[in-house]
Amino acid sequence: MKIFRLTETAPVEMVVESADGASVPLAKRIRSGFSWLVSSSLIGESIRFTRSVVLARLLLPEDFGLFGMALTIVAALNAVTMLGLDRTIVANKFDSRDELKAHLDTVWSAGLVRSLVITLLVAASAFPISRFYAQPQLNIIIPILGLVSCVQGLQNIGLVLLRKEISFARIFWYELATNAGGIALTVALALFLRNVWALVIGLLLTTALGTVLSYVFHSYRPRLAFEKVALRRVISLGKFTLVIAVASYVMNMADNVMVGRFLGTGALGNYSLAFNIASAPISVLVFSLVAVLFPAYAELNAQDPRRLELAVTKVFTIASMIMFTIAAPFFLLAGDVVELLFGGRWTSAGKVLRVLALVIPLRGLSVLMATVFWGLNRPKQVAIGQALEAVVFLVALYPLITAFGLTGAAWAGVIAYAFACINRLMAMNEIVPGIRSKLLRISLAPLLAAGAGVLVAGASLSWPASPLPRVILAGLLSTFIPGAILLLLSADLRKWLVEWFS
């Protein structure tokens, strides 16, 4: 299953503000928030990765492919109906508890109506989608997956209050309990059923568990209500949300649709597995960093805009080193990693992962650059940029799949995210004149360092014969060498890392 997010920019619900926030240095707040978020993301991704490894041993690529086909329509309808409802709770200040309660109940009620509509639309789409993919099983799978949206709509809106109040510890335990319970249920189903229904029923039960736990972790009890002021705020703050959601859907799911339609369920299963592996560093590091950088950029811009350039430069320098260093072993050892963890029947995923390794730094850096626009309250630039990137992706996707098969879809992603980086660099230059050339120069050093690591580690692959020693030896070399080179050559990088960890 592919990881789908509404947007690859700043998750507004993670805005960090507190009553005494002004008394705490900004750098300390960034480190604290980042630590909480990375811990949560890392454990969550570890649980999901373990789930993937176990399920890949129990189920066939065709099962994952069939599941991915059904998810495309669910994700599509979620994207085109996204209003950013809960963002109004976090983004606004309320004069009284009654006003807050009215907004909470209105947002919950509107979200519930939206979820019911999505469930009905998903059920109605089952027949045409099954005909499109030529998979009769989708006639039953799709309506059942549609129930996931209905169950999500019942989730306690009180969880949004936890984010507004910066109660990351309770969010952490809520997500841990949901993820751990979900993997246990899904693996048990896979052991018993040994087919695609383990994934379908597992997702539905995991969603139901999360909804039940949402009422355990917060005492708020929503009720049906519709308040006019709250609905107007939703429309006002969410005017660009639809464009961003649709563009994000295209970037995340259009390749699923094309691969499933033209190459079949087995190919889609392999592709989804490779995509999820390549997405893990983005989910753990980049989205966690984005969540704390968004309010940090906003605060810097309000207090001292002159410091913005230095902050962006620091983030870009450190992120470039991390992203290219992570991409190097993925590029070099993709086939060995997939064979070692998932088995020989997933060999196609290894070929795709090698190409998707190139997407890791491109996607990560483009997401981080978009965060600057969110921090400066310029969502229009984000919406326009993501729409253009989605168009580039769609234009490249079909001819590359036709010419190169499964890896062609991955190359379309490389092209789209490379365009995203260039597009956002040009847009950022309008905000901070001259920063485009500076960031381009910064990105060259980690690119060359990663290339040196790949060359040295690649030469070592002629010695070990089995996957495990190859992954250990070449993985260590390809990771250590780029980092060592960059730390030796850049005094600023050493200084900033010392500041971060001191």
Protein backbone atom coordinates (compact mmCIF):
# COMPACT_ATOMS: atom_id res chain seq x y z
CA MET A 1 0.00 0.00 0.00
CA LYS A 2 1.28 3.41 -0.91
CA ILE A 3 1.60 6.10 1.71
CA PHE A 4 -0.81 8.88 0.83
CA ARG A 5 -0.76 12.36 2.33
CA LEU A 6 -2.99 15.28 1.60
CA THR A 7 -0.02 17.50 0.96
CA GLU A 8 3.71 17.30 0.97
CA THR A 9 4.02 20.67 2.58
CA ALA A 10 3.38 21.88 6.07
CA PRO A 11 0.84 19.95 8.11
CA VAL A 12 -0.99 22.91 9.62
CA GLU A 13 -2.30 20.92 12.56
CA MET A 14 1.24 20.66 13.89
CA VAL A 15 1.70 24.40 14.43
CA VAL A 16 3.67 24.87 17.65
CA GLU A 17 2.38 27.65 19.85
CA SER A 18 2.14 27.70 23.61
CA ALA A 19 1.23 30.19 26.25
CA ASP A 20 4.82 30.51 27.41
CA GLY A 21 6.33 29.84 24.00
CA ALA A 22 7.84 33.29 23.75
CA SER A 23 10.02 32.63 26.80
CA VAL A 24 11.59 29.53 25.25
CA PRO A 25 14.31 30.07 22.62
CA LEU A 26 13.16 29.21 19.11
CA ALA A 27 16.04 26.79 18.49
CA LYS A 28 15.20 24.86 21.66
CA ARG A 29 11.53 24.63 20.70
CA ILE A 30 12.48 23.34 17.25
CA ARG A 31 14.76 20.66 18.72
CA SER A 32 12.14 19.58 21.26
CA GLY A 33 9.31 19.38 18.75
CA PHE A 34 11.48 17.63 16.18
CA SER A 35 12.59 15.04 18.75
CA TRP A 36 9.00 14.17 19.68
CA LEU A 37 7.87 13.97 16.08
CA VAL A 38 10.85 11.94 14.87
CA SER A 39 10.40 9.49 17.73
CA SER A 40 6.75 9.02 16.83
CA SER A 41 7.46 8.74 13.10
CA LEU A 42 10.41 6.40 13.56
CA ILE A 43 8.48 3.96 15.73
CA GLY A 44 5.47 4.16 13.43
CA GLU A 45 7.56 3.51 10.34
CA SER A 46 9.37 0.65 12.09
CA ILE A 47 6.04 -0.97 12.92
CA ARG A 48 4.78 -0.51 9.36
CA PHE A 49 8.06 -1.80 7.95
CA THR A 50 7.87 -4.91 10.14
CA ARG A 51 4.30 -5.38 8.96
CA SER A 52 5.42 -5.12 5.32
CA VAL A 53 8.19 -7.68 5.78
CA VAL A 54 5.89 -10.18 7.49
CA LEU A 55 3.02 -9.72 5.05
CA ALA A 56 5.34 -9.94 2.05
CA ARG A 57 6.31 -13.41 3.26
CA LEU A 58 2.69 -14.46 3.74
CA LEU A 59 0.97 -12.88 0.74
CA LEU A 60 1.65 -12.59 -2.99
CA PRO A 61 2.56 -9.43 -4.97
CA GLU A 62 -0.80 -9.83 -6.73
CA ASP A 63 -2.58 -9.44 -3.38
CA PHE A 64 -0.82 -6.14 -2.71
CA GLY A 65 -1.50 -5.03 -6.27
CA LEU A 66 -5.22 -5.73 -6.00
CA PHE A 67 -5.33 -3.87 -2.69
CA GLY A 68 -3.49 -0.93 -4.26
CA MET A 69 -6.01 -0.78 -7.11
CA ALA A 70 -8.88 -0.49 -4.64
CA LEU A 71 -7.09 2.23 -2.67
CA THR A 72 -6.71 4.46 -5.74
CA ILE A 73 -10.41 5.30 -5.85
CA VAL A 74 -10.67 5.76 -2.06
CA ALA A 75 -7.70 8.15 -2.08
CA ALA A 76 -9.07 10.00 -5.12
CA LEU A 77 -12.43 10.74 -3.52
CA ASN A 78 -10.72 11.79 -0.28
CA ALA A 79 -8.55 14.21 -2.27
CA VAL A 80 -11.32 15.87 -4.26
CA THR A 81 -13.49 16.40 -1.16
CA MET A 82 -10.74 17.61 1.20
CA LEU A 83 -11.63 20.90 2.90
CA GLY A 84 -9.02 21.08 5.64
CA LEU A 85 -11.75 21.07 8.27
CA ASP A 86 -9.67 20.53 11.41
CA ARG A 87 -7.18 23.21 10.38
CA THR A 88 -9.60 25.89 11.53
CA ILE A 89 -9.39 24.60 15.10
CA VAL A 90 -5.62 24.92 15.21
CA ALA A 91 -5.27 28.09 13.17
CA ASN A 92 -7.80 30.22 15.09
CA LYS A 93 -7.97 31.60 18.61
CA PHE A 94 -11.27 31.39 20.46
CA ASP A 95 -12.65 33.87 22.98
CA SER A 96 -14.52 31.31 25.07
CA ARG A 97 -14.91 27.61 25.63
CA ASP A 98 -18.42 27.79 24.18
CA GLU A 99 -17.06 29.23 20.94
CA LEU A 100 -14.39 26.52 20.78
CA LYS A 101 -16.98 23.81 21.45
CA ALA A 102 -19.22 25.15 18.69
CA HIS A 103 -16.33 24.98 16.23
CA LEU A 104 -15.31 21.51 17.35
CA ASP A 105 -18.81 20.12 16.93
CA THR A 106 -19.30 21.84 13.57
CA VAL A 107 -16.01 20.55 12.18
CA TRP A 108 -16.75 17.03 13.45
CA SER A 109 -20.27 17.09 11.98
CA ALA A 110 -19.12 18.40 8.60
CA GLY A 111 -16.38 15.79 8.51
CA LEU A 112 -18.86 13.06 9.32
CA VAL A 113 -21.16 14.14 6.46
CA ARG A 114 -18.18 14.23 4.12
CA SER A 115 -17.16 10.71 5.19
CA LEU A 116 -20.66 9.34 4.56
CA VAL A 117 -20.72 10.90 1.10
CA ILE A 118 -17.30 9.40 0.29
CA THR A 119 -18.49 5.96 1.45
CA LEU A 120 -21.48 6.11 -0.90
CA LEU A 121 -19.40 7.39 -3.83
CA VAL A 122 -16.78 4.68 -3.31
CA ALA A 123 -19.48 2.00 -3.33
CA ALA A 124 -20.99 3.45 -6.51
CA SER A 125 -17.58 3.42 -8.24
CA ALA A 126 -16.93 -0.28 -7.62
CA PHE A 127 -18.36 -1.58 -10.90
CA PRO A 128 -16.66 0.90 -13.30
CA ILE A 129 -13.33 0.58 -11.46
CA SER A 130 -13.45 -3.22 -11.60
CA ARG A 131 -14.13 -2.96 -15.35
CA PHE A 132 -11.27 -0.48 -15.78
CA TYR A 133 -8.75 -2.83 -14.13
CA ALA A 134 -10.46 -6.02 -15.41
CA GLN A 135 -10.52 -7.39 -11.83
CA PRO A 136 -14.00 -8.68 -10.79
CA GLN A 137 -12.94 -8.99 -7.11
CA LEU A 138 -12.87 -5.20 -6.86
CA ASN A 139 -16.68 -5.21 -7.01
CA ILE A 140 -16.66 -6.42 -3.40
CA ILE A 141 -13.33 -5.07 -2.14
CA ILE A 142 -13.97 -1.42 -3.03
CA PRO A 143 -17.30 -0.97 -1.14
CA ILE A 144 -15.79 -2.57 1.97
CA LEU A 145 -12.77 -0.27 1.81
CA GLY A 146 -15.21 2.62 1.46
CA LEU A 147 -16.35 1.90 5.01
CA VAL A 148 -12.89 3.05 6.18
CA SER A 149 -13.87 6.67 5.42
CA CYS A 150 -17.12 6.28 7.35
CA VAL A 151 -15.32 4.91 10.42
CA GLN A 152 -12.67 7.66 10.21
CA GLY A 153 -15.43 10.26 10.21
CA LEU A 154 -16.47 9.09 13.68
CA GLN A 155 -13.01 9.73 15.14
CA ASN A 156 -12.93 12.02 18.19
CA ILE A 157 -12.26 15.64 17.21
CA GLY A 158 -10.62 15.99 20.62
CA LEU A 159 -7.39 14.68 19.07
CA VAL A 160 -7.12 18.00 17.23
CA LEU A 161 -7.11 19.73 20.61
CA LEU A 162 -4.10 17.64 21.62
CA ARG A 163 -2.21 19.00 18.62
CA LYS A 164 -3.38 22.54 19.28
CA GLU A 165 -2.21 22.24 22.90
CA ILE A 166 1.14 20.68 21.83
CA SER A 167 0.42 17.50 23.79
CA PHE A 168 2.76 15.40 21.68
CA ALA A 169 3.22 12.73 24.36
CA ARG A 170 -0.45 11.67 24.28
CA ILE A 171 -0.46 11.74 20.48
CA PHE A 172 2.65 9.58 20.52
CA TRP A 173 1.01 6.92 22.72
CA TYR A 174 -2.24 7.05 20.76
CA GLU A 175 -0.45 6.43 17.46
CA LEU A 176 1.73 3.71 18.98
CA ALA A 177 -1.29 1.84 20.36
CA THR A 178 -3.17 2.13 17.06
CA ASN A 179 -0.21 1.03 14.92
CA ALA A 180 0.76 -1.86 17.18
CA GLY A 181 -2.81 -3.11 17.44
CA GLY A 182 -3.30 -2.73 13.71
CA ILE A 183 -0.25 -4.77 12.76
CA ALA A 184 -1.22 -7.54 15.18
CA LEU A 185 -4.72 -7.76 13.68
CA THR A 186 -3.50 -7.66 10.07
CA VAL A 187 -0.78 -10.27 10.54
CA ALA A 188 -3.22 -12.58 12.33
CA LEU A 189 -5.64 -12.23 9.42
CA ALA A 190 -2.85 -12.90 6.92
CA LEU A 191 -1.84 -16.08 8.75
CA PHE A 192 -5.44 -17.29 8.60
CA LEU A 193 -6.69 -16.01 5.22
CA ARG A 194 -3.51 -15.88 3.07
CA ASN A 195 -5.09 -13.56 0.50
CA VAL A 196 -5.97 -9.93 -0.24
CA TRP A 197 -8.80 -9.94 2.31
CA ALA A 198 -6.25 -9.86 5.11
CA LEU A 199 -5.19 -6.39 3.90
CA VAL A 200 -8.74 -5.16 3.36
CA ILE A 201 -10.19 -6.33 6.68
CA GLY A 202 -6.96 -5.42 8.47
CA LEU A 203 -7.19 -1.79 7.33
CA LEU A 204 -10.84 -1.57 8.33
CA LEU A 205 -10.17 -3.04 11.79
CA THR A 206 -7.12 -0.79 12.30
CA THR A 207 -9.23 2.27 11.49
CA ALA A 208 -11.96 1.10 13.87
CA LEU A 209 -9.36 0.58 16.61
CA GLY A 210 -7.99 4.09 16.07
CA THR A 211 -11.48 5.56 16.29
CA VAL A 212 -12.24 3.74 19.56
CA LEU A 213 -8.89 4.73 21.06
CA SER A 214 -9.46 8.37 20.09
CA TYR A 215 -12.22 8.47 22.71
CA VAL A 216 -9.95 6.78 25.25
CA PHE A 217 -7.13 9.30 24.78
CA HIS A 218 -9.32 12.40 24.94
CA SER A 219 -12.39 13.09 27.06
CA TYR A 220 -14.15 15.39 24.59
CA ARG A 221 -17.44 14.04 23.27
CA PRO A 222 -18.60 15.65 20.01
CA ARG A 223 -22.22 16.05 18.95
CA LEU A 224 -23.98 16.94 15.70
CA ALA A 225 -24.02 20.72 15.16
CA PHE A 226 -23.49 23.23 12.34
CA GLU A 227 -22.32 26.73 13.20
CA LYS A 228 -22.17 29.32 10.39
CA VAL A 229 -19.04 31.18 11.50
CA ALA A 230 -17.07 27.92 11.74
CA LEU A 231 -18.15 26.86 8.26
CA ARG A 232 -17.12 30.24 6.83
CA ARG A 233 -13.69 29.88 8.43
CA VAL A 234 -13.30 26.44 6.85
CA ILE A 235 -14.01 27.87 3.40
CA SER A 236 -11.76 30.90 3.98
CA LEU A 237 -8.70 28.95 5.18
CA GLY A 238 -9.17 26.04 2.80
CA LYS A 239 -9.49 27.83 -0.54
CA PHE A 240 -6.19 26.36 -1.81
CA THR A 241 -6.56 23.01 -0.06
CA LEU A 242 -8.48 21.37 -2.90
CA VAL A 243 -5.84 22.23 -5.51
CA ILE A 244 -3.04 20.98 -3.27
CA ALA A 245 -4.96 17.81 -2.39
CA VAL A 246 -5.68 16.91 -6.01
CA ALA A 247 -2.11 17.63 -7.09
CA SER A 248 -0.78 15.52 -4.21
CA TYR A 249 -3.11 12.70 -5.18
CA VAL A 250 -1.73 12.77 -8.72
CA MET A 251 1.86 12.69 -7.45
CA ASN A 252 1.11 9.83 -5.05
CA MET A 253 -1.39 7.70 -6.91
CA ALA A 254 -1.35 8.35 -10.69
CA ASP A 255 1.56 5.93 -11.09
CA ASN A 256 -0.45 3.32 -9.14
CA VAL A 257 -3.33 3.72 -11.58
CA MET A 258 -1.11 3.48 -14.66
CA VAL A 259 0.97 0.56 -13.41
CA GLY A 260 -2.10 -1.37 -12.31
CA ARG A 261 -3.95 -0.70 -15.56
CA PHE A 262 -1.13 -1.52 -18.00
CA LEU A 263 1.20 -3.88 -16.10
CA GLY A 264 -1.13 -5.81 -13.76
CA THR A 265 -1.50 -6.62 -10.09
CA GLY A 266 1.91 -8.26 -9.63
CA ALA A 267 3.74 -5.26 -11.04
CA LEU A 268 1.70 -2.87 -8.89
CA GLY A 269 2.48 -4.91 -5.77
CA ASN A 270 6.23 -4.69 -6.48
CA TYR A 271 6.00 -0.99 -7.28
CA SER A 272 4.07 -0.16 -4.11
CA LEU A 273 6.58 -2.02 -1.97
CA ALA A 274 9.52 -0.13 -3.50
CA PHE A 275 7.72 3.20 -3.16
CA ASN A 276 6.96 2.63 0.52
CA ILE A 277 10.60 1.76 1.26
CA ALA A 278 11.82 4.90 -0.50
CA SER A 279 9.18 6.99 1.30
CA ALA A 280 10.28 5.93 4.79
CA PRO A 281 13.10 8.53 5.13
CA ILE A 282 10.71 11.25 3.96
CA SER A 283 8.04 10.21 6.45
CA VAL A 284 10.42 9.95 9.40
CA LEU A 285 12.73 12.91 8.86
CA VAL A 286 11.33 15.38 6.36
CA PHE A 287 7.71 15.56 7.49
CA SER A 288 8.84 15.77 11.13
CA LEU A 289 11.19 18.61 10.24
CA VAL A 290 8.50 20.36 8.21
CA ALA A 291 6.10 20.27 11.16
CA VAL A 292 8.45 22.33 13.32
CA LEU A 293 9.94 24.50 10.56
CA PHE A 294 6.58 25.86 9.49
CA PRO A 295 5.91 27.78 12.74
CA ALA A 296 9.62 28.61 13.05
CA TYR A 297 9.72 30.31 9.64
CA ALA A 298 6.50 32.16 10.46
CA GLU A 299 7.98 33.45 13.72
CA LEU A 300 11.24 34.47 12.08
CA ASN A 301 9.42 36.32 9.34
CA ALA A 302 7.33 38.20 11.91
CA GLN A 303 10.23 39.09 14.22
CA ASP A 304 13.27 39.51 11.98
CA PRO A 305 12.92 38.65 8.25
CA ARG A 306 16.66 39.17 7.77
CA ARG A 307 17.34 35.93 9.68
CA LEU A 308 15.18 33.92 7.28
CA GLU A 309 17.91 33.43 4.68
CA LEU A 310 20.38 32.05 7.23
CA ALA A 311 17.73 29.69 8.63
CA VAL A 312 16.80 28.38 5.18
CA THR A 313 20.48 27.94 4.29
CA LYS A 314 21.17 25.97 7.47
CA VAL A 315 18.20 23.68 6.96
CA PHE A 316 19.03 23.10 3.29
CA THR A 317 22.68 22.33 4.03
CA ILE A 318 21.98 19.79 6.78
CA ALA A 319 19.01 18.26 4.95
CA SER A 320 21.01 17.88 1.73
CA MET A 321 23.73 15.98 3.57
CA ILE A 322 21.20 13.66 5.21
CA MET A 323 19.09 13.05 2.10
CA PHE A 324 22.00 12.29 -0.25
CA THR A 325 23.69 10.15 2.38
CA ILE A 326 20.51 8.09 2.79
CA ALA A 327 20.00 7.82 -0.99
CA ALA A 328 23.48 6.40 -1.64
CA PRO A 329 23.04 2.95 0.00
CA PHE A 330 19.49 2.65 -1.36
CA PHE A 331 20.78 3.26 -4.88
CA LEU A 332 23.66 0.84 -4.53
CA LEU A 333 21.99 -2.00 -2.61
CA ALA A 334 18.32 -1.86 -3.61
CA GLY A 335 18.24 -5.38 -5.05
CA ASP A 336 20.12 -6.95 -2.13
CA VAL A 337 17.95 -5.19 0.46
CA VAL A 338 14.71 -6.34 -1.15
CA GLU A 339 15.92 -9.91 -1.62
CA LEU A 340 17.23 -10.10 1.95
CA LEU A 341 14.09 -8.73 3.60
CA PHE A 342 11.24 -9.76 1.35
CA GLY A 343 12.40 -12.76 -0.64
CA GLY A 344 13.11 -13.67 -4.26
CA ARG A 345 9.59 -13.12 -5.63
CA TRP A 346 9.95 -9.37 -5.09
CA THR A 347 12.95 -8.88 -7.41
CA SER A 348 11.14 -6.31 -9.56
CA ALA A 349 10.77 -4.10 -6.49
CA GLY A 350 14.57 -3.99 -6.16
CA LYS A 351 14.95 -2.57 -9.69
CA VAL A 352 12.32 0.08 -9.01
CA LEU A 353 13.83 0.99 -5.63
CA ARG A 354 17.18 1.70 -7.28
CA VAL A 355 15.55 4.42 -9.39
CA LEU A 356 13.36 5.69 -6.55
CA ALA A 357 16.51 6.21 -4.47
CA LEU A 358 17.13 9.22 -6.71
CA VAL A 359 13.72 10.59 -5.70
CA ILE A 360 14.63 10.65 -1.98
CA PRO A 361 16.77 13.85 -2.03
CA LEU A 362 14.69 15.51 -4.76
CA ARG A 363 11.40 14.94 -2.98
CA GLY A 364 12.78 15.73 0.46
CA LEU A 365 14.35 19.03 -0.58
CA SER A 366 11.31 20.13 -2.60
CA VAL A 367 9.06 19.53 0.42
CA LEU A 368 11.39 21.51 2.69
CA MET A 369 11.50 24.42 0.24
CA ALA A 370 7.69 24.49 0.07
CA THR A 371 7.64 24.91 3.85
CA VAL A 372 9.20 28.35 3.44
CA PHE A 373 6.12 29.52 1.51
CA TRP A 374 3.80 28.15 4.19
CA GLY A 375 5.81 29.95 6.85
CA LEU A 376 5.45 33.21 4.91
CA ASN A 377 1.70 32.58 4.50
CA ARG A 378 1.89 32.11 0.73
CA PRO A 379 -0.17 28.96 0.06
CA LYS A 380 -1.00 30.18 -3.45
CA GLN A 381 2.60 29.57 -4.57
CA VAL A 382 2.45 26.08 -3.10
CA ALA A 383 -0.81 25.30 -4.91
CA ILE A 384 0.47 26.59 -8.26
CA GLY A 385 3.79 24.78 -7.88
CA GLN A 386 2.22 21.43 -6.99
CA ALA A 387 -0.27 21.73 -9.84
CA LEU A 388 2.57 22.25 -12.34
CA GLU A 389 4.52 19.34 -10.88
CA ALA A 390 1.48 17.08 -11.19
CA VAL A 391 1.11 18.03 -14.86
CA VAL A 392 4.79 17.21 -15.52
CA PHE A 393 4.34 13.85 -13.79
CA LEU A 394 1.26 12.96 -15.83
CA VAL A 395 2.91 13.97 -19.11
CA ALA A 396 5.98 11.82 -18.38
CA LEU A 397 4.20 8.82 -16.87
CA TYR A 398 2.52 7.08 -19.81
CA PRO A 399 5.38 7.25 -22.36
CA LEU A 400 7.95 6.13 -19.79
CA ILE A 401 5.82 3.18 -18.62
CA THR A 402 5.27 2.21 -22.26
CA ALA A 403 8.98 2.40 -23.01
CA PHE A 404 10.55 1.03 -19.81
CA GLY A 405 7.78 -0.78 -17.94
CA LEU A 406 7.84 -0.68 -14.16
CA THR A 407 11.01 1.38 -13.83
CA GLY A 408 9.53 3.93 -16.24
CA ALA A 409 7.01 4.94 -13.58
CA ALA A 410 9.88 5.53 -11.15
CA TRP A 411 11.75 7.64 -13.72
CA ALA A 412 8.62 9.77 -14.15
CA GLY A 413 8.84 10.49 -10.43
CA VAL A 414 12.49 11.49 -10.75
CA ILE A 415 11.60 13.94 -13.53
CA ALA A 416 8.62 15.40 -11.65
CA TYR A 417 10.51 15.96 -8.39
CA ALA A 418 13.54 17.37 -10.22
CA PHE A 419 11.18 19.85 -11.83
CA ALA A 420 9.70 20.55 -8.38
CA CYS A 421 13.12 21.44 -6.98
CA ILE A 422 13.92 23.77 -9.90
CA ASN A 423 10.47 25.36 -9.78
CA ARG A 424 10.64 26.03 -6.05
CA LEU A 425 14.19 27.33 -6.23
CA MET A 426 13.08 29.89 -8.81
CA ALA A 427 10.07 30.88 -6.71
CA MET A 428 12.19 31.21 -3.57
CA ASN A 429 14.55 33.54 -5.39
CA GLU A 430 11.69 36.05 -5.60
CA ILE A 431 11.36 35.98 -1.80
CA VAL A 432 15.07 35.94 -0.95
CA PRO A 433 17.05 37.40 -3.88
CA GLY A 434 20.18 35.43 -4.71
CA ILE A 435 19.29 32.36 -2.65
CA ARG A 436 18.81 30.19 -5.76
CA SER A 437 22.48 30.17 -6.71
CA LYS A 438 23.51 29.73 -3.07
CA LEU A 439 21.33 26.65 -2.59
CA LEU A 440 22.46 25.18 -5.91
CA ARG A 441 26.09 25.48 -4.80
CA ILE A 442 25.23 23.90 -1.45
CA SER A 443 23.56 20.88 -3.13
CA LEU A 444 26.62 20.10 -5.29
CA ALA A 445 28.82 19.11 -2.34
CA PRO A 446 26.54 16.34 -0.96
CA LEU A 447 25.83 15.13 -4.50
CA LEU A 448 29.55 14.67 -5.22
CA ALA A 449 30.18 13.18 -1.76
CA ALA A 450 27.38 10.65 -2.28
CA GLY A 451 28.84 9.79 -5.69
CA ALA A 452 32.23 9.12 -4.08
CA GLY A 453 30.58 6.89 -1.48
CA VAL A 454 28.76 4.89 -4.17
CA LEU A 455 31.98 4.40 -6.17
CA VAL A 456 34.03 3.19 -3.20
CA ALA A 457 31.28 1.01 -1.79
CA GLY A 458 30.48 -0.34 -5.26
CA ALA A 459 34.06 -1.54 -5.63
CA SER A 460 33.69 -3.51 -2.39
CA LEU A 461 30.71 -5.48 -3.73
CA SER A 462 33.00 -7.84 -5.65
CA TRP A 463 34.14 -9.50 -2.40
CA PRO A 464 31.06 -10.78 -0.52
CA ALA A 465 28.81 -13.20 -2.40
CA SER A 466 25.64 -13.30 -0.26
CA PRO A 467 23.23 -10.38 0.32
CA LEU A 468 23.75 -9.93 4.08
CA PRO A 469 27.53 -9.19 4.07
CA ARG A 470 27.10 -7.10 0.92
CA VAL A 471 24.47 -4.95 2.60
CA ILE A 472 26.51 -4.57 5.79
CA LEU A 473 29.85 -3.75 4.12
CA ALA A 474 28.70 -1.60 1.22
CA GLY A 475 25.94 -0.02 3.31
CA LEU A 476 28.40 1.19 5.93
CA LEU A 477 30.85 2.49 3.33
CA SER A 478 28.25 4.27 1.21
CA THR A 479 26.77 5.92 4.31
CA PHE A 480 29.97 6.79 6.16
CA ILE A 481 32.05 8.15 3.28
CA PRO A 482 29.67 10.97 2.13
CA GLY A 483 29.09 12.13 5.69
CA ALA A 484 32.79 12.09 6.51
CA ILE A 485 33.70 14.03 3.37
CA LEU A 486 31.11 16.72 4.02
CA LEU A 487 32.05 17.13 7.68
CA LEU A 488 35.72 17.41 6.80
CA LEU A 489 35.18 20.01 4.07
CA SER A 490 32.47 22.20 5.63
CA ALA A 491 33.26 24.13 8.79
CA ASP A 492 29.77 25.65 8.79
CA LEU A 493 28.20 22.20 8.73
CA ARG A 494 30.29 21.07 11.71
CA LYS A 495 29.38 24.23 13.58
CA TRP A 496 25.63 23.89 12.94
CA LEU A 497 25.57 20.22 13.93
CA VAL A 498 27.40 21.01 17.18
CA GLU A 499 24.87 23.78 17.88
CA TRP A 500 21.98 21.39 17.21
CA PHE A 501 23.18 18.64 19.53
CA SER A 502 24.69 20.84 22.23
